[in-house]
Amino acid sequence: MKKWTTILISGVAGIILTGCTESKKATAVSDPVDPDVIAYPLDTCIVADKKLGSMGKPYVFVHEKRQIKFCCIGCDDEFNSNTEKYIKKFDLAVEKNKAASSKINTPTK
């Protein structure tokens, strides 16, 4: 009886561990699926300014053709009550990134 229990436990453990080794192709979260959506320009939460991923998987959604990311779903209420403030913050970050990108891509004499 003890032998069968050991075999059964070993088999179940093997199945569980095999499932853990499956890999899935990761897709970049910063790249929106819709080409008309502006990608999120920050690596921090737009509301709490916390590093994205520091509180688990970021909450991501699209608002007015802008990809928005929160550190957690709890930031949703604050965003909804001050949407204009956070959209302005988003747009400023996009412009800042464009300016920095154009400086990098500008040839020097």
PDB file of N, CA and C in Angstrom:
ATOM      1  N   MET A   1       0.823  -1.194   0.000  1.00  0.00           N
ATOM      2  CA  MET A   1       0.000   0.000   0.000  1.00  0.00           C
ATOM      3  C   MET A   1       0.866   1.255   0.000  1.00  0.00           C
ATOM      4  N   LYS A   2       1.940   1.250   0.796  1.00  0.00           N
ATOM      5  CA  LYS A   2       2.817   2.404   0.886  1.00  0.00           C
ATOM      6  C   LYS A   2       3.483   2.662  -0.461  1.00  0.00           C
ATOM      7  N   LYS A   3       3.798   1.577  -1.190  1.00  0.00           N
ATOM      8  CA  LYS A   3       4.432   1.709  -2.498  1.00  0.00           C
ATOM      9  C   LYS A   3       3.495   2.417  -3.475  1.00  0.00           C
ATOM     10  N   TRP A   4       2.214   2.075  -3.467  1.00  0.00           N
ATOM     11  CA  TRP A   4       1.248   2.703  -4.377  1.00  0.00           C
ATOM     12  C   TRP A   4       1.053   4.180  -4.046  1.00  0.00           C
ATOM     13  N   THR A   5       1.057   4.514  -2.776  1.00  0.00           N
ATOM     14  CA  THR A   5       0.921   5.917  -2.369  1.00  0.00           C
ATOM     15  C   THR A   5       2.105   6.723  -2.872  1.00  0.00           C
ATOM     16  N   THR A   6       3.304   6.168  -2.742  1.00  0.00           N
ATOM     17  CA  THR A   6       4.509   6.847  -3.217  1.00  0.00           C
ATOM     18  C   THR A   6       4.464   7.035  -4.727  1.00  0.00           C
ATOM     19  N   ILE A   7       4.048   6.010  -5.454  1.00  0.00           N
ATOM     20  CA  ILE A   7       3.960   6.103  -6.914  1.00  0.00           C
ATOM     21  C   ILE A   7       2.921   7.153  -7.317  1.00  0.00           C
ATOM     22  N   LEU A   8       1.788   7.148  -6.662  1.00  0.00           N
ATOM     23  CA  LEU A   8       0.723   8.105  -6.973  1.00  0.00           C
ATOM     24  C   LEU A   8       1.174   9.542  -6.707  1.00  0.00           C
ATOM     25  N   ILE A   9       1.792   9.780  -5.569  1.00  0.00           N
ATOM     26  CA  ILE A   9       2.271  11.122  -5.228  1.00  0.00           C
ATOM     27  C   ILE A   9       3.344  11.570  -6.214  1.00  0.00           C
ATOM     28  N   SER A  10       4.239  10.675  -6.582  1.00  0.00           N
ATOM     29  CA  SER A  10       5.284  11.010  -7.557  1.00  0.00           C
ATOM     30  C   SER A  10       4.680  11.371  -8.908  1.00  0.00           C
ATOM     31  N   GLY A  11       3.674  10.623  -9.321  1.00  0.00           N
ATOM     32  CA  GLY A  11       3.014  10.902 -10.599  1.00  0.00           C
ATOM     33  C   GLY A  11       2.321  12.255 -10.603  1.00  0.00           C
ATOM     34  N   VAL A  12       1.602  12.556  -9.541  1.00  0.00           N
ATOM     35  CA  VAL A  12       0.904  13.844  -9.443  1.00  0.00           C
ATOM     36  C   VAL A  12       1.917  14.990  -9.410  1.00  0.00           C
ATOM     37  N   ALA A  13       2.985  14.828  -8.651  1.00  0.00           N
ATOM     38  CA  ALA A  13       4.019  15.868  -8.584  1.00  0.00           C
ATOM     39  C   ALA A  13       4.649  16.087  -9.954  1.00  0.00           C
ATOM     40  N   GLY A  14       4.881  15.013 -10.690  1.00  0.00           N
ATOM     41  CA  GLY A  14       5.447  15.128 -12.034  1.00  0.00           C
ATOM     42  C   GLY A  14       4.541  15.888 -12.978  1.00  0.00           C
ATOM     43  N   ILE A  15       3.254  15.616 -12.904  1.00  0.00           N
ATOM     44  CA  ILE A  15       2.285  16.319 -13.755  1.00  0.00           C
ATOM     45  C   ILE A  15       2.248  17.805 -13.405  1.00  0.00           C
ATOM     46  N   ILE A  16       2.239  18.114 -12.133  1.00  0.00           N
ATOM     47  CA  ILE A  16       2.199  19.515 -11.700  1.00  0.00           C
ATOM     48  C   ILE A  16       3.455  20.249 -12.148  1.00  0.00           C
ATOM     49  N   LEU A  17       4.612  19.647 -11.946  1.00  0.00           N
ATOM     50  CA  LEU A  17       5.866  20.295 -12.326  1.00  0.00           C
ATOM     51  C   LEU A  17       5.996  20.443 -13.832  1.00  0.00           C
ATOM     52  N   THR A  18       5.473  19.517 -14.593  1.00  0.00           N
ATOM     53  CA  THR A  18       5.498  19.628 -16.049  1.00  0.00           C
ATOM     54  C   THR A  18       4.666  20.817 -16.494  1.00  0.00           C
ATOM     55  N   GLY A  19       3.537  21.033 -15.880  1.00  0.00           N
ATOM     56  CA  GLY A  19       2.690  22.177 -16.213  1.00  0.00           C
ATOM     57  C   GLY A  19       3.355  23.496 -15.886  1.00  0.00           C
ATOM     58  N   CYS A  20       4.210  23.518 -14.886  1.00  0.00           N
ATOM     59  CA  CYS A  20       4.892  24.753 -14.506  1.00  0.00           C
ATOM     60  C   CYS A  20       5.984  25.143 -15.487  1.00  0.00           C
ATOM     61  N   THR A  21       6.475  24.204 -16.282  1.00  0.00           N
ATOM     62  CA  THR A  21       7.566  24.516 -17.200  1.00  0.00           C
ATOM     63  C   THR A  21       7.083  25.011 -18.545  1.00  0.00           C
ATOM     64  N   GLU A  22       5.772  25.022 -18.778  1.00  0.00           N
ATOM     65  CA  GLU A  22       5.257  25.535 -20.039  1.00  0.00           C
ATOM     66  C   GLU A  22       5.593  27.005 -20.155  1.00  0.00           C
ATOM     67  N   SER A  23       6.050  27.413 -21.331  1.00  0.00           N
ATOM     68  CA  SER A  23       6.332  28.826 -21.529  1.00  0.00           C
ATOM     69  C   SER A  23       5.366  29.382 -22.554  1.00  0.00           C
ATOM     70  N   LYS A  24       4.988  30.599 -22.340  1.00  0.00           N
ATOM     71  CA  LYS A  24       4.107  31.282 -23.268  1.00  0.00           C
ATOM     72  C   LYS A  24       4.865  32.468 -23.829  1.00  0.00           C
ATOM     73  N   LYS A  25       4.609  32.777 -25.081  1.00  0.00           N
ATOM     74  CA  LYS A  25       5.268  33.912 -25.699  1.00  0.00           C
ATOM     75  C   LYS A  25       4.750  35.189 -25.053  1.00  0.00           C
ATOM     76  N   ALA A  26       5.664  35.988 -24.547  1.00  0.00           N
ATOM     77  CA  ALA A  26       5.285  37.242 -23.916  1.00  0.00           C
ATOM     78  C   ALA A  26       5.108  38.323 -24.969  1.00  0.00           C
ATOM     79  N   THR A  27       4.125  39.153 -24.759  1.00  0.00           N
ATOM     80  CA  THR A  27       3.939  40.298 -25.641  1.00  0.00           C
ATOM     81  C   THR A  27       4.192  41.555 -24.836  1.00  0.00           C
ATOM     82  N   ALA A  28       4.731  42.543 -25.484  1.00  0.00           N
ATOM     83  CA  ALA A  28       5.042  43.787 -24.798  1.00  0.00           C
ATOM     84  C   ALA A  28       3.750  44.465 -24.362  1.00  0.00           C
ATOM     85  N   VAL A  29       3.668  44.769 -23.097  1.00  0.00           N
ATOM     86  CA  VAL A  29       2.476  45.411 -22.566  1.00  0.00           C
ATOM     87  C   VAL A  29       2.409  46.861 -23.025  1.00  0.00           C
ATOM     88  N   SER A  30       3.563  47.467 -23.291  1.00  0.00           N
ATOM     89  CA  SER A  30       3.576  48.875 -23.667  1.00  0.00           C
ATOM     90  C   SER A  30       3.099  49.104 -25.095  1.00  0.00           C
ATOM     91  N   ASP A  31       3.019  48.056 -25.896  1.00  0.00           N
ATOM     92  CA  ASP A  31       2.572  48.200 -27.273  1.00  0.00           C
ATOM     93  C   ASP A  31       1.080  47.934 -27.366  1.00  0.00           C
ATOM     94  N   PRO A  32       0.295  48.968 -27.638  1.00  0.00           N
ATOM     95  CA  PRO A  32      -1.138  48.739 -27.760  1.00  0.00           C
ATOM     96  C   PRO A  32      -1.458  47.927 -29.004  1.00  0.00           C
ATOM     97  N   VAL A  33      -2.523  47.147 -28.960  1.00  0.00           N
ATOM     98  CA  VAL A  33      -2.929  46.313 -30.083  1.00  0.00           C
ATOM     99  C   VAL A  33      -3.435  47.183 -31.226  1.00  0.00           C
ATOM    100  N   ASP A  34      -4.223  48.186 -30.928  1.00  0.00           N
ATOM    101  CA  ASP A  34      -4.783  49.095 -31.924  1.00  0.00           C
ATOM    102  C   ASP A  34      -3.725  50.138 -32.299  1.00  0.00           C
ATOM    103  N   PRO A  35      -3.363  50.261 -33.577  1.00  0.00           N
ATOM    104  CA  PRO A  35      -2.324  51.222 -33.968  1.00  0.00           C
ATOM    105  C   PRO A  35      -2.732  52.678 -33.743  1.00  0.00           C
ATOM    106  N   ASP A  36      -4.017  52.947 -33.580  1.00  0.00           N
ATOM    107  CA  ASP A  36      -4.476  54.313 -33.322  1.00  0.00           C
ATOM    108  C   ASP A  36      -4.355  54.707 -31.852  1.00  0.00           C
ATOM    109  N   VAL A  37      -4.083  53.747 -30.991  1.00  0.00           N
ATOM    110  CA  VAL A  37      -3.971  54.012 -29.562  1.00  0.00           C
ATOM    111  C   VAL A  37      -2.545  54.466 -29.252  1.00  0.00           C
ATOM    112  N   ILE A  38      -2.438  55.541 -28.482  1.00  0.00           N
ATOM    113  CA  ILE A  38      -1.128  56.067 -28.087  1.00  0.00           C
ATOM    114  C   ILE A  38      -0.601  55.210 -26.943  1.00  0.00           C
ATOM    115  N   ALA A  39       0.602  54.665 -27.111  1.00  0.00           N
ATOM    116  CA  ALA A  39       1.212  53.793 -26.103  1.00  0.00           C
ATOM    117  C   ALA A  39       1.485  54.568 -24.814  1.00  0.00           C
ATOM    118  N   TYR A  40       1.422  53.865 -23.708  1.00  0.00           N
ATOM    119  CA  TYR A  40       1.658  54.471 -22.396  1.00  0.00           C
ATOM    120  C   TYR A  40       3.103  54.945 -22.310  1.00  0.00           C
ATOM    121  N   PRO A  41       3.348  56.229 -21.995  1.00  0.00           N
ATOM    122  CA  PRO A  41       4.698  56.788 -22.057  1.00  0.00           C
ATOM    123  C   PRO A  41       5.516  56.694 -20.773  1.00  0.00           C
ATOM    124  N   LEU A  42       4.934  56.220 -19.702  1.00  0.00           N
ATOM    125  CA  LEU A  42       5.613  56.221 -18.406  1.00  0.00           C
ATOM    126  C   LEU A  42       5.916  54.806 -17.937  1.00  0.00           C
ATOM    127  N   ASP A  43       6.841  54.688 -16.978  1.00  0.00           N
ATOM    128  CA  ASP A  43       7.072  53.383 -16.360  1.00  0.00           C
ATOM    129  C   ASP A  43       6.564  53.381 -14.918  1.00  0.00           C
ATOM    130  N   THR A  44       5.769  54.397 -14.596  1.00  0.00           N
ATOM    131  CA  THR A  44       5.135  54.504 -13.288  1.00  0.00           C
ATOM    132  C   THR A  44       3.627  54.661 -13.461  1.00  0.00           C
ATOM    133  N   CYS A  45       2.905  54.429 -12.396  1.00  0.00           N
ATOM    134  CA  CYS A  45       1.444  54.599 -12.392  1.00  0.00           C
ATOM    135  C   CYS A  45       1.113  56.067 -12.623  1.00  0.00           C
ATOM    136  N   ILE A  46       0.180  56.342 -13.499  1.00  0.00           N
ATOM    137  CA  ILE A  46      -0.182  57.727 -13.804  1.00  0.00           C
ATOM    138  C   ILE A  46      -0.814  58.423 -12.605  1.00  0.00           C
ATOM    139  N   VAL A  47      -1.413  57.682 -11.693  1.00  0.00           N
ATOM    140  CA  VAL A  47      -2.079  58.261 -10.522  1.00  0.00           C
ATOM    141  C   VAL A  47      -1.148  58.284  -9.312  1.00  0.00           C
ATOM    142  N   ALA A  48      -0.603  57.147  -8.933  1.00  0.00           N
ATOM    143  CA  ALA A  48       0.154  57.025  -7.684  1.00  0.00           C
ATOM    144  C   ALA A  48       1.656  57.238  -7.848  1.00  0.00           C
ATOM    145  N   ASP A  49       2.138  57.331  -9.074  1.00  0.00           N
ATOM    146  CA  ASP A  49       3.572  57.482  -9.367  1.00  0.00           C
ATOM    147  C   ASP A  49       4.421  56.341  -8.809  1.00  0.00           C
ATOM    148  N   LYS A  50       3.814  55.180  -8.609  1.00  0.00           N
ATOM    149  CA  LYS A  50       4.562  54.003  -8.166  1.00  0.00           C
ATOM    150  C   LYS A  50       5.034  53.231  -9.384  1.00  0.00           C
ATOM    151  N   LYS A  51       6.170  52.581  -9.268  1.00  0.00           N
ATOM    152  CA  LYS A  51       6.733  51.784 -10.352  1.00  0.00           C
ATOM    153  C   LYS A  51       5.725  50.714 -10.761  1.00  0.00           C
ATOM    154  N   LEU A  52       5.437  50.654 -12.059  1.00  0.00           N
ATOM    155  CA  LEU A  52       4.506  49.634 -12.549  1.00  0.00           C
ATOM    156  C   LEU A  52       5.092  48.250 -12.303  1.00  0.00           C
ATOM    157  N   GLY A  53       4.294  47.372 -11.779  1.00  0.00           N
ATOM    158  CA  GLY A  53       4.727  46.021 -11.443  1.00  0.00           C
ATOM    159  C   GLY A  53       5.114  45.876  -9.987  1.00  0.00           C
ATOM    160  N   SER A  54       5.257  46.996  -9.264  1.00  0.00           N
ATOM    161  CA  SER A  54       5.645  46.922  -7.855  1.00  0.00           C
ATOM    162  C   SER A  54       4.518  46.393  -6.973  1.00  0.00           C
ATOM    163  N   MET A  55       3.300  46.441  -7.477  1.00  0.00           N
ATOM    164  CA  MET A  55       2.148  45.963  -6.710  1.00  0.00           C
ATOM    165  C   MET A  55       1.434  44.844  -7.456  1.00  0.00           C
ATOM    166  N   GLY A  56       2.174  44.124  -8.268  1.00  0.00           N
ATOM    167  CA  GLY A  56       1.576  43.074  -9.083  1.00  0.00           C
ATOM    168  C   GLY A  56       1.415  43.547 -10.513  1.00  0.00           C
ATOM    169  N   LYS A  57       0.647  42.803 -11.258  1.00  0.00           N
ATOM    170  CA  LYS A  57       0.436  43.122 -12.666  1.00  0.00           C
ATOM    171  C   LYS A  57      -0.324  44.448 -12.790  1.00  0.00           C
ATOM    172  N   PRO A  58       0.176  45.377 -13.625  1.00  0.00           N
ATOM    173  CA  PRO A  58      -0.518  46.660 -13.786  1.00  0.00           C
ATOM    174  C   PRO A  58      -1.908  46.494 -14.385  1.00  0.00           C
ATOM    175  N   TYR A  59      -2.798  47.395 -14.022  1.00  0.00           N
ATOM    176  CA  TYR A  59      -4.144  47.460 -14.590  1.00  0.00           C
ATOM    177  C   TYR A  59      -4.047  48.342 -15.829  1.00  0.00           C
ATOM    178  N   VAL A  60      -4.387  47.810 -16.996  1.00  0.00           N
ATOM    179  CA  VAL A  60      -4.213  48.507 -18.271  1.00  0.00           C
ATOM    180  C   VAL A  60      -5.559  48.617 -18.980  1.00  0.00           C
ATOM    181  N   PHE A  61      -5.841  49.806 -19.512  1.00  0.00           N
ATOM    182  CA  PHE A  61      -7.054  50.014 -20.294  1.00  0.00           C
ATOM    183  C   PHE A  61      -6.828  51.169 -21.265  1.00  0.00           C
ATOM    184  N   VAL A  62      -7.766  51.387 -22.160  1.00  0.00           N
ATOM    185  CA  VAL A  62      -7.674  52.471 -23.135  1.00  0.00           C
ATOM    186  C   VAL A  62      -8.746  53.501 -22.815  1.00  0.00           C
ATOM    187  N   HIS A  63      -8.314  54.763 -22.764  1.00  0.00           N
ATOM    188  CA  HIS A  63      -9.229  55.883 -22.517  1.00  0.00           C
ATOM    189  C   HIS A  63      -8.971  56.941 -23.584  1.00  0.00           C
ATOM    190  N   GLU A  64      -9.959  57.229 -24.393  1.00  0.00           N
ATOM    191  CA  GLU A  64      -9.862  58.240 -25.451  1.00  0.00           C
ATOM    192  C   GLU A  64      -8.598  58.053 -26.301  1.00  0.00           C
ATOM    193  N   LYS A  65      -8.412  56.845 -26.815  1.00  0.00           N
ATOM    194  CA  LYS A  65      -7.278  56.492 -27.691  1.00  0.00           C
ATOM    195  C   LYS A  65      -5.920  56.602 -26.997  1.00  0.00           C
ATOM    196  N   ARG A  66      -5.911  56.536 -25.668  1.00  0.00           N
ATOM    197  CA  ARG A  66      -4.671  56.550 -24.892  1.00  0.00           C
ATOM    198  C   ARG A  66      -4.630  55.294 -24.029  1.00  0.00           C
ATOM    199  N   GLN A  67      -3.504  54.600 -24.054  1.00  0.00           N
ATOM    200  CA  GLN A  67      -3.325  53.435 -23.188  1.00  0.00           C
ATOM    201  C   GLN A  67      -2.956  53.951 -21.795  1.00  0.00           C
ATOM    202  N   ILE A  68      -3.744  53.607 -20.804  1.00  0.00           N
ATOM    203  CA  ILE A  68      -3.540  54.064 -19.432  1.00  0.00           C
ATOM    204  C   ILE A  68      -3.158  52.867 -18.571  1.00  0.00           C
ATOM    205  N   LYS A  69      -2.202  53.091 -17.643  1.00  0.00           N
ATOM    206  CA  LYS A  69      -1.771  52.019 -16.741  1.00  0.00           C
ATOM    207  C   LYS A  69      -1.788  52.510 -15.304  1.00  0.00           C
ATOM    208  N   PHE A  70      -2.350  51.671 -14.435  1.00  0.00           N
ATOM    209  CA  PHE A  70      -2.349  51.911 -12.997  1.00  0.00           C
ATOM    210  C   PHE A  70      -1.509  50.831 -12.331  1.00  0.00           C
ATOM    211  N   CYS A  71      -0.970  51.159 -11.157  1.00  0.00           N
ATOM    212  CA  CYS A  71      -0.249  50.147 -10.383  1.00  0.00           C
ATOM    213  C   CYS A  71      -1.228  49.126  -9.808  1.00  0.00           C
ATOM    214  N   CYS A  72      -2.479  49.557  -9.619  1.00  0.00           N
ATOM    215  CA  CYS A  72      -3.517  48.663  -9.099  1.00  0.00           C
ATOM    216  C   CYS A  72      -4.887  49.225  -9.471  1.00  0.00           C
ATOM    217  N   ILE A  73      -5.903  48.433  -9.351  1.00  0.00           N
ATOM    218  CA  ILE A  73      -7.264  48.857  -9.697  1.00  0.00           C
ATOM    219  C   ILE A  73      -7.757  49.954  -8.757  1.00  0.00           C
ATOM    220  N   GLY A  74      -7.143  50.078  -7.589  1.00  0.00           N
ATOM    221  CA  GLY A  74      -7.544  51.099  -6.624  1.00  0.00           C
ATOM    222  C   GLY A  74      -7.363  52.524  -7.121  1.00  0.00           C
ATOM    223  N   CYS A  75      -6.521  52.731  -8.123  1.00  0.00           N
ATOM    224  CA  CYS A  75      -6.290  54.073  -8.670  1.00  0.00           C
ATOM    225  C   CYS A  75      -7.414  54.516  -9.603  1.00  0.00           C
ATOM    226  N   ASP A  76      -8.308  53.610  -9.939  1.00  0.00           N
ATOM    227  CA  ASP A  76      -9.385  53.894 -10.880  1.00  0.00           C
ATOM    228  C   ASP A  76     -10.295  55.032 -10.409  1.00  0.00           C
ATOM    229  N   ASP A  77     -10.679  55.024  -9.147  1.00  0.00           N
ATOM    230  CA  ASP A  77     -11.574  56.067  -8.629  1.00  0.00           C
ATOM    231  C   ASP A  77     -10.932  57.449  -8.724  1.00  0.00           C
ATOM    232  N   GLU A  78      -9.670  57.547  -8.355  1.00  0.00           N
ATOM    233  CA  GLU A  78      -8.964  58.832  -8.425  1.00  0.00           C
ATOM    234  C   GLU A  78      -8.849  59.308  -9.871  1.00  0.00           C
ATOM    235  N   PHE A  79      -8.528  58.403 -10.777  1.00  0.00           N
ATOM    236  CA  PHE A  79      -8.435  58.759 -12.195  1.00  0.00           C
ATOM    237  C   PHE A  79      -9.778  59.273 -12.704  1.00  0.00           C
ATOM    238  N   ASN A  80     -10.851  58.586 -12.372  1.00  0.00           N
ATOM    239  CA  ASN A  80     -12.182  58.983 -12.837  1.00  0.00           C
ATOM    240  C   ASN A  80     -12.632  60.320 -12.257  1.00  0.00           C
ATOM    241  N   SER A  81     -12.193  60.649 -11.051  1.00  0.00           N
ATOM    242  CA  SER A  81     -12.604  61.919 -10.452  1.00  0.00           C
ATOM    243  C   SER A  81     -11.744  63.092 -10.923  1.00  0.00           C
ATOM    244  N   ASN A  82     -10.555  62.834 -11.453  1.00  0.00           N
ATOM    245  CA  ASN A  82      -9.654  63.888 -11.939  1.00  0.00           C
ATOM    246  C   ASN A  82      -9.086  63.531 -13.306  1.00  0.00           C
ATOM    247  N   THR A  83      -9.926  63.084 -14.196  1.00  0.00           N
ATOM    248  CA  THR A  83      -9.480  62.586 -15.498  1.00  0.00           C
ATOM    249  C   THR A  83      -8.660  63.613 -16.268  1.00  0.00           C
ATOM    250  N   GLU A  84      -9.109  64.853 -16.306  1.00  0.00           N
ATOM    251  CA  GLU A  84      -8.388  65.885 -17.070  1.00  0.00           C
ATOM    252  C   GLU A  84      -6.950  66.037 -16.591  1.00  0.00           C
ATOM    253  N   LYS A  85      -6.755  66.013 -15.287  1.00  0.00           N
ATOM    254  CA  LYS A  85      -5.418  66.144 -14.699  1.00  0.00           C
ATOM    255  C   LYS A  85      -4.496  65.035 -15.202  1.00  0.00           C
ATOM    256  N   TYR A  86      -4.987  63.805 -15.215  1.00  0.00           N
ATOM    257  CA  TYR A  86      -4.154  62.672 -15.600  1.00  0.00           C
ATOM    258  C   TYR A  86      -3.963  62.574 -17.111  1.00  0.00           C
ATOM    259  N   ILE A  87      -4.950  63.014 -17.884  1.00  0.00           N
ATOM    260  CA  ILE A  87      -4.788  63.048 -19.339  1.00  0.00           C
ATOM    261  C   ILE A  87      -3.731  64.086 -19.704  1.00  0.00           C
ATOM    262  N   LYS A  88      -3.741  65.212 -19.013  1.00  0.00           N
ATOM    263  CA  LYS A  88      -2.718  66.242 -19.249  1.00  0.00           C
ATOM    264  C   LYS A  88      -1.328  65.690 -18.903  1.00  0.00           C
ATOM    265  N   LYS A  89      -1.228  64.972 -17.794  1.00  0.00           N
ATOM    266  CA  LYS A  89       0.039  64.352 -17.389  1.00  0.00           C
ATOM    267  C   LYS A  89       0.508  63.358 -18.452  1.00  0.00           C
ATOM    268  N   PHE A  90      -0.416  62.581 -18.986  1.00  0.00           N
ATOM    269  CA  PHE A  90      -0.122  61.614 -20.047  1.00  0.00           C
ATOM    270  C   PHE A  90       0.411  62.339 -21.281  1.00  0.00           C
ATOM    271  N   ASP A  91      -0.321  63.374 -21.727  1.00  0.00           N
ATOM    272  CA  ASP A  91       0.063  64.099 -22.940  1.00  0.00           C
ATOM    273  C   ASP A  91       1.424  64.780 -22.787  1.00  0.00           C
ATOM    274  N   LEU A  92       1.710  65.333 -21.609  1.00  0.00           N
ATOM    275  CA  LEU A  92       3.019  65.945 -21.368  1.00  0.00           C
ATOM    276  C   LEU A  92       4.137  64.906 -21.444  1.00  0.00           C
ATOM    277  N   ALA A  93       3.893  63.726 -20.913  1.00  0.00           N
ATOM    278  CA  ALA A  93       4.896  62.655 -20.966  1.00  0.00           C
ATOM    279  C   ALA A  93       5.138  62.201 -22.402  1.00  0.00           C
ATOM    280  N   VAL A  94       4.077  62.136 -23.207  1.00  0.00           N
ATOM    281  CA  VAL A  94       4.223  61.764 -24.619  1.00  0.00           C
ATOM    282  C   VAL A  94       5.079  62.801 -25.334  1.00  0.00           C
ATOM    283  N   GLU A  95       4.791  64.084 -25.113  1.00  0.00           N
ATOM    284  CA  GLU A  95       5.565  65.157 -25.749  1.00  0.00           C
ATOM    285  C   GLU A  95       7.022  65.132 -25.292  1.00  0.00           C
ATOM    286  N   LYS A  96       7.248  64.896 -24.013  1.00  0.00           N
ATOM    287  CA  LYS A  96       8.612  64.823 -23.479  1.00  0.00           C
ATOM    288  C   LYS A  96       9.380  63.677 -24.136  1.00  0.00           C
ATOM    289  N   ASN A  97       8.725  62.530 -24.286  1.00  0.00           N
ATOM    290  CA  ASN A  97       9.370  61.381 -24.930  1.00  0.00           C
ATOM    291  C   ASN A  97       9.663  61.656 -26.399  1.00  0.00           C
ATOM    292  N   LYS A  98       8.755  62.352 -27.089  1.00  0.00           N
ATOM    293  CA  LYS A  98       8.983  62.700 -28.494  1.00  0.00           C
ATOM    294  C   LYS A  98      10.169  63.645 -28.622  1.00  0.00           C
ATOM    295  N   ALA A  99      10.257  64.640 -27.724  1.00  0.00           N
ATOM    296  CA  ALA A  99      11.362  65.592 -27.757  1.00  0.00           C
ATOM    297  C   ALA A  99      12.689  64.889 -27.492  1.00  0.00           C
ATOM    298  N   ALA A 100      12.702  63.995 -26.516  1.00  0.00           N
ATOM    299  CA  ALA A 100      13.926  63.248 -26.206  1.00  0.00           C
ATOM    300  C   ALA A 100      14.310  62.346 -27.369  1.00  0.00           C
ATOM    301  N   SER A 101      13.322  61.737 -28.001  1.00  0.00           N
ATOM    302  CA  SER A 101      13.577  60.855 -29.137  1.00  0.00           C
ATOM    303  C   SER A 101      14.122  61.636 -30.325  1.00  0.00           C
ATOM    304  N   SER A 102      13.600  62.829 -30.562  1.00  0.00           N
ATOM    305  CA  SER A 102      14.077  63.617 -31.702  1.00  0.00           C
ATOM    306  C   SER A 102      15.497  64.106 -31.470  1.00  0.00           C
ATOM    307  N   LYS A 103      15.883  64.366 -30.224  1.00  0.00           N
ATOM    308  CA  LYS A 103      17.267  64.761 -29.927  1.00  0.00           C
ATOM    309  C   LYS A 103      18.222  63.609 -30.201  1.00  0.00           C
ATOM    310  N   ILE A 104      17.800  62.407 -29.878  1.00  0.00           N
ATOM    311  CA  ILE A 104      18.640  61.225 -30.094  1.00  0.00           C
ATOM    312  C   ILE A 104      18.799  60.955 -31.583  1.00  0.00           C
ATOM    313  N   ASN A 105      17.736  61.135 -32.347  1.00  0.00           N
ATOM    314  CA  ASN A 105      17.753  60.817 -33.775  1.00  0.00           C
ATOM    315  C   ASN A 105      18.257  61.952 -34.652  1.00  0.00           C
ATOM    316  N   THR A 106      18.536  63.123 -34.079  1.00  0.00           N
ATOM    317  CA  THR A 106      19.019  64.250 -34.857  1.00  0.00           C
ATOM    318  C   THR A 106      20.511  64.082 -35.107  1.00  0.00           C
ATOM    319  N   PRO A 107      20.935  64.106 -36.392  1.00  0.00           N
ATOM    320  CA  PRO A 107      22.365  63.960 -36.679  1.00  0.00           C
ATOM    321  C   PRO A 107      23.140  65.186 -36.208  1.00  0.00           C
ATOM    322  N   THR A 108      24.335  64.954 -35.712  1.00  0.00           N
ATOM    323  CA  THR A 108      25.197  66.049 -35.267  1.00  0.00           C
ATOM    324  C   THR A 108      26.170  66.403 -36.368  1.00  0.00           C
ATOM    325  N   LYS A 109      26.613  67.649 -36.373  1.00  0.00           N
ATOM    326  CA  LYS A 109      27.540  68.123 -37.415  1.00  0.00           C
ATOM    327  C   LYS A 109      28.962  67.917 -37.005  1.00  0.00           C
TER     328      LYS A 109
END
